[in-house]
Protein backbone atom coordinates (compact mmCIF):
# COMPACT_ATOMS: atom_id res chain seq x y z
CA MET A 1 196.09 99.60 258.73
CA LEU A 2 199.30 99.40 260.76
CA VAL A 3 198.39 102.53 262.71
CA ARG A 4 195.02 100.97 263.57
CA GLU A 5 196.85 98.08 265.22
CA LEU A 6 198.50 100.53 267.62
CA LEU A 7 195.33 102.36 268.71
CA PRO A 8 192.86 100.86 271.22
CA VAL A 9 189.82 101.89 269.17
CA GLY A 10 187.07 99.50 268.10
CA ARG A 11 186.61 95.83 268.87
CA ILE A 12 188.23 92.51 268.03
CA GLY A 13 186.86 89.04 268.60
CA ARG A 14 188.44 86.24 270.53
CA SER A 15 189.93 84.61 267.42
CA GLY A 16 191.52 87.90 266.31
CA PHE A 17 192.89 88.36 269.82
CA TRP A 18 194.58 84.95 269.83
CA LEU A 19 195.80 85.25 266.23
CA ARG A 20 197.60 88.47 267.10
CA HIS A 21 199.25 86.77 270.08
CA VAL A 22 200.29 83.68 268.12
CA LEU A 23 201.39 85.30 264.85
CA ILE A 24 202.42 88.91 265.50
CA LEU A 25 203.67 88.94 269.09
CA PRO A 26 206.57 86.47 268.60
CA VAL A 27 207.80 88.50 265.60
CA ALA A 28 207.52 91.74 267.59
CA LEU A 29 209.45 90.27 270.52
CA PHE A 30 212.14 88.97 268.17
CA LEU A 31 212.45 92.45 266.65
CA CYS A 32 212.76 93.99 270.12
CA ILE A 33 215.62 91.70 271.07
CA SER A 34 217.44 91.89 267.74
CA ALA A 35 217.08 95.65 267.41
CA GLU A 36 218.76 96.19 270.74
CA GLN A 37 221.53 93.65 270.16
CA ILE A 38 222.33 94.52 266.54
CA VAL A 39 221.60 98.23 266.16
CA GLY A 40 221.65 99.57 269.69
CA ARG A 41 219.61 100.61 272.66
CA PRO A 42 217.59 103.49 271.08
CA PHE A 43 216.23 101.19 268.36
CA GLY A 44 215.46 98.49 270.91
CA LEU A 45 213.56 101.04 272.96
CA ALA A 46 211.55 102.12 269.91
CA ALA A 47 210.72 98.48 269.09
CA SER A 48 209.71 97.86 272.71
CA LEU A 49 207.47 100.93 272.69
CA ALA A 50 205.78 99.77 269.47
CA THR A 51 205.26 96.29 270.94
CA THR A 52 203.77 97.78 274.11
CA LEU A 53 201.39 99.95 272.08
CA PHE A 54 200.41 96.89 270.05
CA LEU A 55 199.63 94.87 273.20
CA VAL A 56 197.67 97.69 274.86
CA SER A 57 195.69 98.11 271.64
CA THR A 58 194.97 94.40 271.30
CA TRP A 59 193.92 93.92 274.91
CA GLY A 60 191.97 97.19 274.95
CA ARG A 61 189.99 96.30 271.83
CA ARG A 62 189.25 92.85 273.22
CA LEU A 63 188.00 94.44 276.45
CA HIS A 64 185.81 96.70 274.29
CA ASP A 65 184.36 93.58 272.68
CA ARG A 66 183.51 92.31 276.15
CA GLY A 67 181.73 95.61 276.94
CA ARG A 68 184.44 96.98 279.23
CA SER A 69 186.63 100.06 279.02
CA ALA A 70 190.33 99.76 278.21
CA LEU A 71 190.98 101.22 281.66
CA TRP A 72 190.40 97.70 282.97
CA LEU A 73 193.98 97.04 281.80
CA LEU A 74 195.06 98.73 285.02
CA LEU A 75 194.13 95.47 286.74
CA ALA A 76 197.42 94.13 285.43
CA ALA A 77 199.03 96.13 288.24
CA LEU A 78 197.62 93.58 290.71
CA PRO A 79 200.28 90.88 290.81
CA VAL A 80 198.43 87.63 290.13
CA LEU A 81 194.69 88.15 290.39
CA GLY A 82 194.59 91.09 288.00
CA ALA A 83 196.47 89.26 285.27
CA LEU A 84 194.41 86.11 285.81
CA PHE A 85 191.17 88.08 285.55
CA LEU A 86 192.31 89.74 282.31
CA VAL A 87 193.37 86.45 280.72
CA ILE A 88 190.03 84.83 281.55
CA GLU A 89 188.02 87.90 280.52
CA CYS A 90 189.81 88.49 277.22
CA GLY A 91 190.97 85.06 276.22
CA PHE A 92 188.14 82.71 277.03
CA LEU A 93 184.80 84.54 277.30
CA ASP A 94 182.52 85.34 274.35
CA SER A 95 181.68 88.75 272.96
CA ARG A 96 178.84 90.73 274.46
CA PRO A 97 176.11 92.24 272.30
CA ALA A 98 175.86 95.16 274.75
CA ALA A 99 179.31 96.36 273.65
CA GLU A 100 177.90 98.33 270.70
CA ARG A 101 179.05 101.60 272.27
CA PHE A 102 182.59 100.67 271.24
CA GLY A 103 181.67 99.98 267.60
CA THR A 104 180.17 97.23 265.52
CA ALA A 105 180.88 93.63 266.38
CA PRO A 106 183.91 92.16 264.63
CA GLY A 107 183.12 90.09 261.59
CA TYR A 108 179.79 91.76 260.92
CA ARG A 109 179.18 94.15 258.07
CA THR A 110 176.77 97.01 258.47
CA ASP A 111 176.55 98.16 254.85
CA TYR A 112 173.63 95.95 253.89
CA VAL A 113 169.96 96.02 254.80
CA THR A 114 168.57 93.32 257.06
CA VAL A 115 164.91 92.41 256.92
């Protein structure tokens, strides 16, 4: 399950997106800072890399839920407008049903028959 959190595969809903930012991200940032100060620079770099992979995965899966490719994360290279667009797109807009090409919608089970 931990490896799945580091790969931008599948979809997550808006609530899962915000829960990861509120619960996991502060812990990850704390580990980045403490690893570098207590153990040394190589461990801080490893923690920073893991945190970056986690963020790319989270934002990429949320973009998948919106029906967009994870390549849209490149908009973050635009100083203000790119980041603003990504925050609005990922943080405040609902899922799109047309995003089925990225997997089943989060929170829905597909192992039962619907009539």
